[in-house]
PDB file of N, CA and C in Angstrom:
ATOM      1  N   MET A   1     -17.811  26.021  65.373  1.00  0.00           N
ATOM      2  CA  MET A   1     -19.196  25.650  65.475  1.00  0.00           C
ATOM      3  C   MET A   1     -19.677  25.892  66.890  1.00  0.00           C
ATOM      4  N   LYS A   2     -20.986  26.136  66.977  1.00  0.00           N
ATOM      5  CA  LYS A   2     -21.596  26.379  68.276  1.00  0.00           C
ATOM      6  C   LYS A   2     -22.859  25.524  68.417  1.00  0.00           C
ATOM      7  N   GLU A   3     -23.159  25.194  69.654  1.00  0.00           N
ATOM      8  CA  GLU A   3     -24.437  24.584  69.970  1.00  0.00           C
ATOM      9  C   GLU A   3     -25.273  25.660  70.647  1.00  0.00           C
ATOM     10  N   ILE A   4     -26.469  25.847  70.151  1.00  0.00           N
ATOM     11  CA  ILE A   4     -27.412  26.760  70.782  1.00  0.00           C
ATOM     12  C   ILE A   4     -28.392  25.924  71.575  1.00  0.00           C
ATOM     13  N   LYS A   5     -28.613  26.332  72.816  1.00  0.00           N
ATOM     14  CA  LYS A   5     -29.653  25.734  73.638  1.00  0.00           C
ATOM     15  C   LYS A   5     -30.584  26.859  74.037  1.00  0.00           C
ATOM     16  N   ALA A   6     -31.867  26.633  73.853  1.00  0.00           N
ATOM     17  CA  ALA A   6     -32.860  27.647  74.196  1.00  0.00           C
ATOM     18  C   ALA A   6     -33.976  26.991  74.992  1.00  0.00           C
ATOM     19  N   PHE A   7     -34.240  27.540  76.163  1.00  0.00           N
ATOM     20  CA  PHE A   7     -35.372  27.125  76.978  1.00  0.00           C
ATOM     21  C   PHE A   7     -36.456  28.165  76.753  1.00  0.00           C
ATOM     22  N   VAL A   8     -37.589  27.749  76.208  1.00  0.00           N
ATOM     23  CA  VAL A   8     -38.642  28.688  75.821  1.00  0.00           C
ATOM     24  C   VAL A   8     -40.004  28.179  76.288  1.00  0.00           C
ATOM     25  N   ARG A   9     -40.966  29.079  76.248  1.00  0.00           N
ATOM     26  CA  ARG A   9     -42.338  28.690  76.587  1.00  0.00           C
ATOM     27  C   ARG A   9     -42.845  27.690  75.556  1.00  0.00           C
ATOM     28  N   LEU A  10     -43.529  26.673  76.035  1.00  0.00           N
ATOM     29  CA  LEU A  10     -44.104  25.655  75.155  1.00  0.00           C
ATOM     30  C   LEU A  10     -45.070  26.289  74.153  1.00  0.00           C
ATOM     31  N   SER A  11     -45.772  27.302  74.585  1.00  0.00           N
ATOM     32  CA  SER A  11     -46.755  27.952  73.714  1.00  0.00           C
ATOM     33  C   SER A  11     -46.115  28.712  72.552  1.00  0.00           C
ATOM     34  N   ARG A  12     -44.828  28.992  72.616  1.00  0.00           N
ATOM     35  CA  ARG A  12     -44.134  29.736  71.562  1.00  0.00           C
ATOM     36  C   ARG A  12     -43.337  28.823  70.631  1.00  0.00           C
ATOM     37  N   LEU A  13     -43.279  27.540  70.951  1.00  0.00           N
ATOM     38  CA  LEU A  13     -42.412  26.605  70.229  1.00  0.00           C
ATOM     39  C   LEU A  13     -42.724  26.517  68.740  1.00  0.00           C
ATOM     40  N   THR A  14     -43.977  26.370  68.368  1.00  0.00           N
ATOM     41  CA  THR A  14     -44.335  26.219  66.954  1.00  0.00           C
ATOM     42  C   THR A  14     -43.877  27.420  66.144  1.00  0.00           C
ATOM     43  N   ASP A  15     -44.131  28.621  66.647  1.00  0.00           N
ATOM     44  CA  ASP A  15     -43.703  29.824  65.932  1.00  0.00           C
ATOM     45  C   ASP A  15     -42.184  29.870  65.781  1.00  0.00           C
ATOM     46  N   ILE A  16     -41.471  29.541  66.843  1.00  0.00           N
ATOM     47  CA  ILE A  16     -40.004  29.569  66.799  1.00  0.00           C
ATOM     48  C   ILE A  16     -39.482  28.586  65.754  1.00  0.00           C
ATOM     49  N   VAL A  17     -39.963  27.351  65.803  1.00  0.00           N
ATOM     50  CA  VAL A  17     -39.475  26.320  64.872  1.00  0.00           C
ATOM     51  C   VAL A  17     -39.822  26.684  63.431  1.00  0.00           C
ATOM     52  N   ASN A  18     -41.027  27.163  63.197  1.00  0.00           N
ATOM     53  CA  ASN A  18     -41.405  27.562  61.829  1.00  0.00           C
ATOM     54  C   ASN A  18     -40.507  28.675  61.310  1.00  0.00           C
ATOM     55  N   LYS A  19     -40.218  29.668  62.142  1.00  0.00           N
ATOM     56  CA  LYS A  19     -39.353  30.778  61.712  1.00  0.00           C
ATOM     57  C   LYS A  19     -37.912  30.321  61.529  1.00  0.00           C
ATOM     58  N   LEU A  20     -37.435  29.397  62.363  1.00  0.00           N
ATOM     59  CA  LEU A  20     -36.090  28.852  62.163  1.00  0.00           C
ATOM     60  C   LEU A  20     -36.008  28.142  60.814  1.00  0.00           C
ATOM     61  N   ARG A  21     -37.018  27.358  60.481  1.00  0.00           N
ATOM     62  CA  ARG A  21     -37.044  26.666  59.184  1.00  0.00           C
ATOM     63  C   ARG A  21     -37.050  27.670  58.040  1.00  0.00           C
ATOM     64  N   GLN A  22     -37.888  28.703  58.158  1.00  0.00           N
ATOM     65  CA  GLN A  22     -37.933  29.738  57.126  1.00  0.00           C
ATOM     66  C   GLN A  22     -36.599  30.462  57.007  1.00  0.00           C
ATOM     67  N   GLY A  23     -35.871  30.528  58.116  1.00  0.00           N
ATOM     68  CA  GLY A  23     -34.566  31.187  58.126  1.00  0.00           C
ATOM     69  C   GLY A  23     -33.433  30.301  57.631  1.00  0.00           C
ATOM     70  N   GLY A  24     -33.756  29.064  57.234  1.00  0.00           N
ATOM     71  CA  GLY A  24     -32.748  28.183  56.677  1.00  0.00           C
ATOM     72  C   GLY A  24     -32.138  27.206  57.666  1.00  0.00           C
ATOM     73  N   PHE A  25     -32.710  27.090  58.845  1.00  0.00           N
ATOM     74  CA  PHE A  25     -32.196  26.155  59.851  1.00  0.00           C
ATOM     75  C   PHE A  25     -33.044  24.891  59.809  1.00  0.00           C
ATOM     76  N   CYS A  26     -32.456  23.820  59.282  1.00  0.00           N
ATOM     77  CA  CYS A  26     -33.224  22.597  59.052  1.00  0.00           C
ATOM     78  C   CYS A  26     -33.160  21.625  60.214  1.00  0.00           C
ATOM     79  N   CYS A  27     -32.063  21.675  60.953  1.00  0.00           N
ATOM     80  CA  CYS A  27     -31.783  20.569  61.859  1.00  0.00           C
ATOM     81  C   CYS A  27     -31.743  21.043  63.305  1.00  0.00           C
ATOM     82  N   LEU A  28     -32.649  20.499  64.104  1.00  0.00           N
ATOM     83  CA  LEU A  28     -32.672  20.836  65.519  1.00  0.00           C
ATOM     84  C   LEU A  28     -33.372  19.729  66.277  1.00  0.00           C
ATOM     85  N   THR A  29     -33.234  19.763  67.577  1.00  0.00           N
ATOM     86  CA  THR A  29     -33.878  18.798  68.447  1.00  0.00           C
ATOM     87  C   THR A  29     -34.710  19.567  69.454  1.00  0.00           C
ATOM     88  N   VAL A  30     -35.881  19.038  69.777  1.00  0.00           N
ATOM     89  CA  VAL A  30     -36.766  19.677  70.744  1.00  0.00           C
ATOM     90  C   VAL A  30     -37.081  18.676  71.854  1.00  0.00           C
ATOM     91  N   PHE A  31     -36.985  19.156  73.077  1.00  0.00           N
ATOM     92  CA  PHE A  31     -37.355  18.371  74.246  1.00  0.00           C
ATOM     93  C   PHE A  31     -38.455  19.122  74.983  1.00  0.00           C
ATOM     94  N   GLU A  32     -39.397  18.391  75.532  1.00  0.00           N
ATOM     95  CA  GLU A  32     -40.436  19.002  76.352  1.00  0.00           C
ATOM     96  C   GLU A  32     -40.137  18.662  77.802  1.00  0.00           C
ATOM     97  N   GLY A  33     -40.288  19.647  78.680  1.00  0.00           N
ATOM     98  CA  GLY A  33     -39.993  19.398  80.077  1.00  0.00           C
ATOM     99  C   GLY A  33     -40.721  20.345  80.996  1.00  0.00           C
ATOM    100  N   GLU A  34     -40.304  20.321  82.244  1.00  0.00           N
ATOM    101  CA  GLU A  34     -40.855  21.193  83.262  1.00  0.00           C
ATOM    102  C   GLU A  34     -39.700  21.798  84.037  1.00  0.00           C
ATOM    103  N   GLY A  35     -39.905  22.985  84.533  1.00  0.00           N
ATOM    104  CA  GLY A  35     -38.838  23.622  85.285  1.00  0.00           C
ATOM    105  C   GLY A  35     -39.358  24.709  86.184  1.00  0.00           C
ATOM    106  N   MET A  36     -38.416  25.362  86.825  1.00  0.00           N
ATOM    107  CA  MET A  36     -38.746  26.487  87.685  1.00  0.00           C
ATOM    108  C   MET A  36     -37.641  27.510  87.583  1.00  0.00           C
ATOM    109  N   GLY A  37     -38.012  28.751  87.782  1.00  0.00           N
ATOM    110  CA  GLY A  37     -37.046  29.836  87.712  1.00  0.00           C
ATOM    111  C   GLY A  37     -37.234  30.789  88.865  1.00  0.00           C
ATOM    112  N   HIS A  38     -36.826  32.039  88.649  1.00  0.00           N
ATOM    113  CA  HIS A  38     -36.896  33.050  89.694  1.00  0.00           C
ATOM    114  C   HIS A  38     -38.233  33.760  89.743  1.00  0.00           C
ATOM    115  N   PHE A  39     -39.202  33.277  89.029  1.00  0.00           N
ATOM    116  CA  PHE A  39     -40.474  33.995  88.957  1.00  0.00           C
ATOM    117  C   PHE A  39     -41.620  33.040  89.259  1.00  0.00           C
ATOM    118  N   SER A  40     -42.752  33.611  89.505  1.00  0.00           N
ATOM    119  CA  SER A  40     -43.981  32.846  89.612  1.00  0.00           C
ATOM    120  C   SER A  40     -45.007  33.579  88.762  1.00  0.00           C
ATOM    121  N   ASP A  41     -45.449  32.949  87.716  1.00  0.00           N
ATOM    122  CA  ASP A  41     -46.387  33.563  86.789  1.00  0.00           C
ATOM    123  C   ASP A  41     -47.799  33.401  87.349  1.00  0.00           C
ATOM    124  N   ASN A  42     -48.368  34.496  87.809  1.00  0.00           N
ATOM    125  CA  ASN A  42     -49.698  34.441  88.410  1.00  0.00           C
ATOM    126  C   ASN A  42     -50.774  34.067  87.402  1.00  0.00           C
ATOM    127  N   ARG A  43     -50.488  34.232  86.116  1.00  0.00           N
ATOM    128  CA  ARG A  43     -51.471  33.905  85.092  1.00  0.00           C
ATOM    129  C   ARG A  43     -51.603  32.408  84.901  1.00  0.00           C
ATOM    130  N   LYS A  44     -50.525  31.663  85.153  1.00  0.00           N
ATOM    131  CA  LYS A  44     -50.538  30.225  84.918  1.00  0.00           C
ATOM    132  C   LYS A  44     -49.678  29.527  85.964  1.00  0.00           C
ATOM    133  N   GLU A  45     -50.185  28.513  86.537  1.00  0.00           N
ATOM    134  CA  GLU A  45     -49.435  27.673  87.470  1.00  0.00           C
ATOM    135  C   GLU A  45     -49.697  26.223  87.074  1.00  0.00           C
ATOM    136  N   TRP A  46     -48.645  25.479  86.810  1.00  0.00           N
ATOM    137  CA  TRP A  46     -48.810  24.090  86.385  1.00  0.00           C
ATOM    138  C   TRP A  46     -48.019  23.155  87.272  1.00  0.00           C
ATOM    139  N   SER A  47     -48.461  22.865  88.402  1.00  0.00           N
ATOM    140  CA  SER A  47     -47.788  21.818  89.174  1.00  0.00           C
ATOM    141  C   SER A  47     -48.238  20.471  88.609  1.00  0.00           C
ATOM    142  N   THR A  48     -47.367  19.501  88.717  1.00  0.00           N
ATOM    143  CA  THR A  48     -47.731  18.167  88.241  1.00  0.00           C
ATOM    144  C   THR A  48     -47.484  17.168  89.354  1.00  0.00           C
ATOM    145  N   LEU A  49     -48.070  16.027  89.213  1.00  0.00           N
ATOM    146  CA  LEU A  49     -47.826  14.977  90.205  1.00  0.00           C
ATOM    147  C   LEU A  49     -46.406  14.448  90.091  1.00  0.00           C
ATOM    148  N   SER A  50     -45.848  14.457  88.877  1.00  0.00           N
ATOM    149  CA  SER A  50     -44.483  13.961  88.676  1.00  0.00           C
ATOM    150  C   SER A  50     -43.452  14.902  89.279  1.00  0.00           C
ATOM    151  N   HIS A  51     -43.702  16.211  89.153  1.00  0.00           N
ATOM    152  CA  HIS A  51     -42.746  17.217  89.621  1.00  0.00           C
ATOM    153  C   HIS A  51     -43.502  18.325  90.352  1.00  0.00           C
ATOM    154  N   PRO A  52     -43.926  18.091  91.600  1.00  0.00           N
ATOM    155  CA  PRO A  52     -44.751  19.074  92.294  1.00  0.00           C
ATOM    156  C   PRO A  52     -44.036  20.398  92.585  1.00  0.00           C
ATOM    157  N   PHE A  53     -42.709  20.420  92.481  1.00  0.00           N
ATOM    158  CA  PHE A  53     -41.949  21.648  92.718  1.00  0.00           C
ATOM    159  C   PHE A  53     -41.881  22.516  91.463  1.00  0.00           C
ATOM    160  N   SER A  54     -42.259  21.966  90.335  1.00  0.00           N
ATOM    161  CA  SER A  54     -42.146  22.656  89.055  1.00  0.00           C
ATOM    162  C   SER A  54     -43.367  23.522  88.812  1.00  0.00           C
ATOM    163  N   HIS A  55     -43.154  24.673  88.187  1.00  0.00           N
ATOM    164  CA  HIS A  55     -44.297  25.513  87.883  1.00  0.00           C
ATOM    165  C   HIS A  55     -44.327  26.012  86.448  1.00  0.00           C
ATOM    166  N   SER A  56     -43.468  25.491  85.589  1.00  0.00           N
ATOM    167  CA  SER A  56     -43.477  25.935  84.200  1.00  0.00           C
ATOM    168  C   SER A  56     -43.237  24.765  83.262  1.00  0.00           C
ATOM    169  N   LYS A  57     -44.106  24.634  82.280  1.00  0.00           N
ATOM    170  CA  LYS A  57     -43.848  23.688  81.197  1.00  0.00           C
ATOM    171  C   LYS A  57     -42.976  24.430  80.184  1.00  0.00           C
ATOM    172  N   ILE A  58     -41.929  23.768  79.736  1.00  0.00           N
ATOM    173  CA  ILE A  58     -40.973  24.415  78.838  1.00  0.00           C
ATOM    174  C   ILE A  58     -40.629  23.503  77.673  1.00  0.00           C
ATOM    175  N   ALA A  59     -40.068  24.116  76.654  1.00  0.00           N
ATOM    176  CA  ALA A  59     -39.481  23.383  75.540  1.00  0.00           C
ATOM    177  C   ALA A  59     -38.009  23.752  75.498  1.00  0.00           C
ATOM    178  N   LYS A  60     -37.184  22.791  75.196  1.00  0.00           N
ATOM    179  CA  LYS A  60     -35.746  23.027  75.042  1.00  0.00           C
ATOM    180  C   LYS A  60     -35.396  22.729  73.588  1.00  0.00           C
ATOM    181  N   ILE A  61     -34.808  23.714  72.941  1.00  0.00           N
ATOM    182  CA  ILE A  61     -34.381  23.579  71.556  1.00  0.00           C
ATOM    183  C   ILE A  61     -32.861  23.460  71.555  1.00  0.00           C
ATOM    184  N   GLU A  62     -32.332  22.484  70.831  1.00  0.00           N
ATOM    185  CA  GLU A  62     -30.889  22.338  70.674  1.00  0.00           C
ATOM    186  C   GLU A  62     -30.563  22.272  69.199  1.00  0.00           C
ATOM    187  N   MET A  63     -29.515  22.996  68.805  1.00  0.00           N
ATOM    188  CA  MET A  63     -29.066  22.952  67.416  1.00  0.00           C
ATOM    189  C   MET A  63     -27.578  23.253  67.360  1.00  0.00           C
ATOM    190  N   VAL A  64     -26.882  22.602  66.443  1.00  0.00           N
ATOM    191  CA  VAL A  64     -25.456  22.835  66.217  1.00  0.00           C
ATOM    192  C   VAL A  64     -25.328  23.493  64.851  1.00  0.00           C
ATOM    193  N   ILE A  65     -24.699  24.683  64.847  1.00  0.00           N
ATOM    194  CA  ILE A  65     -24.637  25.477  63.618  1.00  0.00           C
ATOM    195  C   ILE A  65     -23.281  26.161  63.493  1.00  0.00           C
ATOM    196  N   PRO A  66     -22.936  26.603  62.286  1.00  0.00           N
ATOM    197  CA  PRO A  66     -21.686  27.347  62.098  1.00  0.00           C
ATOM    198  C   PRO A  66     -21.708  28.656  62.896  1.00  0.00           C
ATOM    199  N   ASP A  67     -20.537  29.086  63.339  1.00  0.00           N
ATOM    200  CA  ASP A  67     -20.413  30.300  64.145  1.00  0.00           C
ATOM    201  C   ASP A  67     -21.108  31.507  63.517  1.00  0.00           C
ATOM    202  N   GLU A  68     -20.982  31.636  62.200  1.00  0.00           N
ATOM    203  CA  GLU A  68     -21.526  32.827  61.535  1.00  0.00           C
ATOM    204  C   GLU A  68     -23.056  32.850  61.500  1.00  0.00           C
ATOM    205  N   GLU A  69     -23.711  31.748  61.840  1.00  0.00           N
ATOM    206  CA  GLU A  69     -25.177  31.682  61.845  1.00  0.00           C
ATOM    207  C   GLU A  69     -25.778  31.877  63.240  1.00  0.00           C
ATOM    208  N   VAL A  70     -24.938  31.953  64.262  1.00  0.00           N
ATOM    209  CA  VAL A  70     -25.425  31.997  65.645  1.00  0.00           C
ATOM    210  C   VAL A  70     -26.303  33.216  65.906  1.00  0.00           C
ATOM    211  N   ASN A  71     -25.845  34.391  65.545  1.00  0.00           N
ATOM    212  CA  ASN A  71     -26.631  35.598  65.822  1.00  0.00           C
ATOM    213  C   ASN A  71     -27.995  35.561  65.147  1.00  0.00           C
ATOM    214  N   LYS A  72     -28.032  35.064  63.917  1.00  0.00           N
ATOM    215  CA  LYS A  72     -29.296  34.964  63.188  1.00  0.00           C
ATOM    216  C   LYS A  72     -30.262  34.025  63.903  1.00  0.00           C
ATOM    217  N   ALA A  73     -29.785  32.864  64.315  1.00  0.00           N
ATOM    218  CA  ALA A  73     -30.643  31.896  64.998  1.00  0.00           C
ATOM    219  C   ALA A  73     -31.123  32.443  66.337  1.00  0.00           C
ATOM    220  N   MET A  74     -30.223  33.073  67.085  1.00  0.00           N
ATOM    221  CA  MET A  74     -30.610  33.624  68.380  1.00  0.00           C
ATOM    222  C   MET A  74     -31.647  34.733  68.218  1.00  0.00           C
ATOM    223  N   GLN A  75     -31.512  35.541  67.181  1.00  0.00           N
ATOM    224  CA  GLN A  75     -32.472  36.615  66.934  1.00  0.00           C
ATOM    225  C   GLN A  75     -33.857  36.040  66.602  1.00  0.00           C
ATOM    226  N   ILE A  76     -33.889  34.985  65.795  1.00  0.00           N
ATOM    227  CA  ILE A  76     -35.162  34.343  65.454  1.00  0.00           C
ATOM    228  C   ILE A  76     -35.831  33.783  66.710  1.00  0.00           C
ATOM    229  N   ILE A  77     -35.053  33.111  67.541  1.00  0.00           N
ATOM    230  CA  ILE A  77     -35.607  32.538  68.775  1.00  0.00           C
ATOM    231  C   ILE A  77     -36.131  33.654  69.683  1.00  0.00           C
ATOM    232  N   HIS A  78     -35.357  34.707  69.830  1.00  0.00           N
ATOM    233  CA  HIS A  78     -35.760  35.837  70.672  1.00  0.00           C
ATOM    234  C   HIS A  78     -37.053  36.480  70.167  1.00  0.00           C
ATOM    235  N   GLU A  79     -37.075  36.832  68.889  1.00  0.00           N
ATOM    236  CA  GLU A  79     -38.227  37.542  68.332  1.00  0.00           C
ATOM    237  C   GLU A  79     -39.514  36.723  68.392  1.00  0.00           C
ATOM    238  N   ASN A  80     -39.398  35.421  68.233  1.00  0.00           N
ATOM    239  CA  ASN A  80     -40.583  34.581  68.177  1.00  0.00           C
ATOM    240  C   ASN A  80     -40.903  33.883  69.493  1.00  0.00           C
ATOM    241  N   GLY A  81     -39.996  33.996  70.457  1.00  0.00           N
ATOM    242  CA  GLY A  81     -40.210  33.358  71.751  1.00  0.00           C
ATOM    243  C   GLY A  81     -40.671  34.295  72.846  1.00  0.00           C
ATOM    244  N   LYS A  82     -40.451  35.589  72.674  1.00  0.00           N
ATOM    245  CA  LYS A  82     -40.761  36.516  73.769  1.00  0.00           C
ATOM    246  C   LYS A  82     -42.254  36.818  73.851  1.00  0.00           C
ATOM    247  N   THR A  83     -42.709  36.955  75.090  1.00  0.00           N
ATOM    248  CA  THR A  83     -44.085  37.379  75.350  1.00  0.00           C
ATOM    249  C   THR A  83     -44.089  38.708  76.091  1.00  0.00           C
ATOM    250  N   GLY A  84     -42.947  39.068  76.667  1.00  0.00           N
ATOM    251  CA  GLY A  84     -42.867  40.287  77.458  1.00  0.00           C
ATOM    252  C   GLY A  84     -43.101  40.052  78.938  1.00  0.00           C
ATOM    253  N   TYR A  85     -43.368  38.812  79.315  1.00  0.00           N
ATOM    254  CA  TYR A  85     -43.585  38.473  80.715  1.00  0.00           C
ATOM    255  C   TYR A  85     -42.383  37.727  81.272  1.00  0.00           C
ATOM    256  N   PRO A  86     -42.181  37.792  82.586  1.00  0.00           N
ATOM    257  CA  PRO A  86     -41.097  37.008  83.187  1.00  0.00           C
ATOM    258  C   PRO A  86     -41.259  35.531  82.849  1.00  0.00           C
ATOM    259  N   GLY A  87     -40.147  34.859  82.669  1.00  0.00           N
ATOM    260  CA  GLY A  87     -40.180  33.428  82.377  1.00  0.00           C
ATOM    261  C   GLY A  87     -40.202  33.088  80.907  1.00  0.00           C
ATOM    262  N   ASP A  88     -39.870  34.061  80.049  1.00  0.00           N
ATOM    263  CA  ASP A  88     -39.835  33.781  78.620  1.00  0.00           C
ATOM    264  C   ASP A  88     -38.736  32.790  78.257  1.00  0.00           C
ATOM    265  N   GLY A  89     -37.732  32.644  79.099  1.00  0.00           N
ATOM    266  CA  GLY A  89     -36.709  31.635  78.848  1.00  0.00           C
ATOM    267  C   GLY A  89     -35.320  32.201  78.765  1.00  0.00           C
ATOM    268  N   ILE A  90     -34.427  31.385  78.244  1.00  0.00           N
ATOM    269  CA  ILE A  90     -33.021  31.755  78.126  1.00  0.00           C
ATOM    270  C   ILE A  90     -32.429  31.059  76.904  1.00  0.00           C
ATOM    271  N   ILE A  91     -31.490  31.728  76.268  1.00  0.00           N
ATOM    272  CA  ILE A  91     -30.761  31.166  75.127  1.00  0.00           C
ATOM    273  C   ILE A  91     -29.287  31.246  75.466  1.00  0.00           C
ATOM    274  N   TYR A  92     -28.540  30.177  75.206  1.00  0.00           N
ATOM    275  CA  TYR A  92     -27.096  30.257  75.385  1.00  0.00           C
ATOM    276  C   TYR A  92     -26.391  29.368  74.373  1.00  0.00           C
ATOM    277  N   THR A  93     -25.117  29.629  74.207  1.00  0.00           N
ATOM    278  CA  THR A  93     -24.318  28.850  73.262  1.00  0.00           C
ATOM    279  C   THR A  93     -23.132  28.212  73.970  1.00  0.00           C
ATOM    280  N   THR A  94     -22.677  27.118  73.401  1.00  0.00           N
ATOM    281  CA  THR A  94     -21.446  26.475  73.844  1.00  0.00           C
ATOM    282  C   THR A  94     -20.631  26.112  72.605  1.00  0.00           C
ATOM    283  N   GLU A  95     -19.348  26.011  72.796  1.00  0.00           N
ATOM    284  CA  GLU A  95     -18.433  25.665  71.702  1.00  0.00           C
ATOM    285  C   GLU A  95     -18.534  24.170  71.402  1.00  0.00           C
ATOM    286  N   VAL A  96     -18.545  23.833  70.112  1.00  0.00           N
ATOM    287  CA  VAL A  96     -18.513  22.440  69.659  1.00  0.00           C
ATOM    288  C   VAL A  96     -17.176  22.244  68.965  1.00  0.00           C
ATOM    289  N   SER A  97     -16.343  21.396  69.526  1.00  0.00           N
ATOM    290  CA  SER A  97     -14.996  21.267  68.969  1.00  0.00           C
ATOM    291  C   SER A  97     -14.884  20.208  67.876  1.00  0.00           C
ATOM    292  N   ILE A  98     -15.463  19.030  68.083  1.00  0.00           N
ATOM    293  CA  ILE A  98     -15.323  17.961  67.088  1.00  0.00           C
ATOM    294  C   ILE A  98     -16.654  17.227  66.927  1.00  0.00           C
ATOM    295  N   PRO A  99     -17.491  17.641  65.987  1.00  0.00           N
ATOM    296  CA  PRO A  99     -18.705  16.869  65.736  1.00  0.00           C
ATOM    297  C   PRO A  99     -18.352  15.622  64.923  1.00  0.00           C
ATOM    298  N   VAL A 100     -18.880  14.494  65.333  1.00  0.00           N
ATOM    299  CA  VAL A 100     -18.574  13.227  64.670  1.00  0.00           C
ATOM    300  C   VAL A 100     -19.878  12.496  64.380  1.00  0.00           C
ATOM    301  N   LYS A 101     -20.001  11.984  63.159  1.00  0.00           N
ATOM    302  CA  LYS A 101     -21.185  11.205  62.793  1.00  0.00           C
ATOM    303  C   LYS A 101     -21.124   9.839  63.467  1.00  0.00           C
ATOM    304  N   VAL A 102     -22.212   9.428  64.082  1.00  0.00           N
ATOM    305  CA  VAL A 102     -22.268   8.129  64.728  1.00  0.00           C
ATOM    306  C   VAL A 102     -22.104   7.017  63.698  1.00  0.00           C
ATOM    307  N   LYS A 103     -22.725   7.168  62.546  1.00  0.00           N
ATOM    308  CA  LYS A 103     -22.704   6.143  61.503  1.00  0.00           C
ATOM    309  C   LYS A 103     -21.288   5.829  61.017  1.00  0.00           C
ATOM    310  N   THR A 104     -20.461   6.846  60.826  1.00  0.00           N
ATOM    311  CA  THR A 104     -19.154   6.647  60.188  1.00  0.00           C
ATOM    312  C   THR A 104     -17.963   6.887  61.111  1.00  0.00           C
ATOM    313  N   LEU A 105     -18.184   7.523  62.258  1.00  0.00           N
ATOM    314  CA  LEU A 105     -17.128   7.941  63.170  1.00  0.00           C
ATOM    315  C   LEU A 105     -16.148   8.903  62.501  1.00  0.00           C
ATOM    316  N   LYS A 106     -16.642   9.607  61.486  1.00  0.00           N
ATOM    317  CA  LYS A 106     -15.840  10.601  60.783  1.00  0.00           C
ATOM    318  C   LYS A 106     -16.309  11.986  61.197  1.00  0.00           C
ATOM    319  N   PRO A 107     -15.381  12.932  61.259  1.00  0.00           N
ATOM    320  CA  PRO A 107     -15.779  14.316  61.572  1.00  0.00           C
ATOM    321  C   PRO A 107     -16.828  14.798  60.585  1.00  0.00           C
ATOM    322  N   ASP A 108     -17.762  15.573  61.098  1.00  0.00           N
ATOM    323  CA  ASP A 108     -18.885  16.050  60.302  1.00  0.00           C
ATOM    324  C   ASP A 108     -18.798  17.548  60.189  1.00  0.00           C
ATOM    325  N   LYS A 109     -19.072  18.069  58.998  1.00  0.00           N
ATOM    326  CA  LYS A 109     -19.161  19.496  58.797  1.00  0.00           C
ATOM    327  C   LYS A 109     -20.634  19.855  58.855  1.00  0.00           C
ATOM    328  N   ILE A 110     -21.020  20.659  59.835  1.00  0.00           N
ATOM    329  CA  ILE A 110     -22.410  21.057  60.001  1.00  0.00           C
ATOM    330  C   ILE A 110     -22.687  22.235  59.084  1.00  0.00           C
ATOM    331  N   GLU A 111     -23.716  22.129  58.280  1.00  0.00           N
ATOM    332  CA  GLU A 111     -24.108  23.220  57.377  1.00  0.00           C
ATOM    333  C   GLU A 111     -25.552  23.560  57.557  1.00  0.00           C
TER     334      GLU A 111
END
């Protein structure tokens, strides 16, 4: 199993999530945040009082899926998240060794 984490533009989040659902991915978590990268988008600058060093509002998508579904999910995120401008985000995976349900403390098979 793998965990996919994707940092994407907030403006692309709805399209990404809708396409993931259409692709058969039911379960994911979304976080909204702010960040900074190696670019400065002259079209939009969003400094905030909470984080004056930040210049990008972002969404973080997390999902745990079987290994054989990783490429499909990453392709959906890529196709629906890209704008062609710097700062479109990043997608990465990590290995999940033992998923356990909080309710039962039993190993869980993610489907």
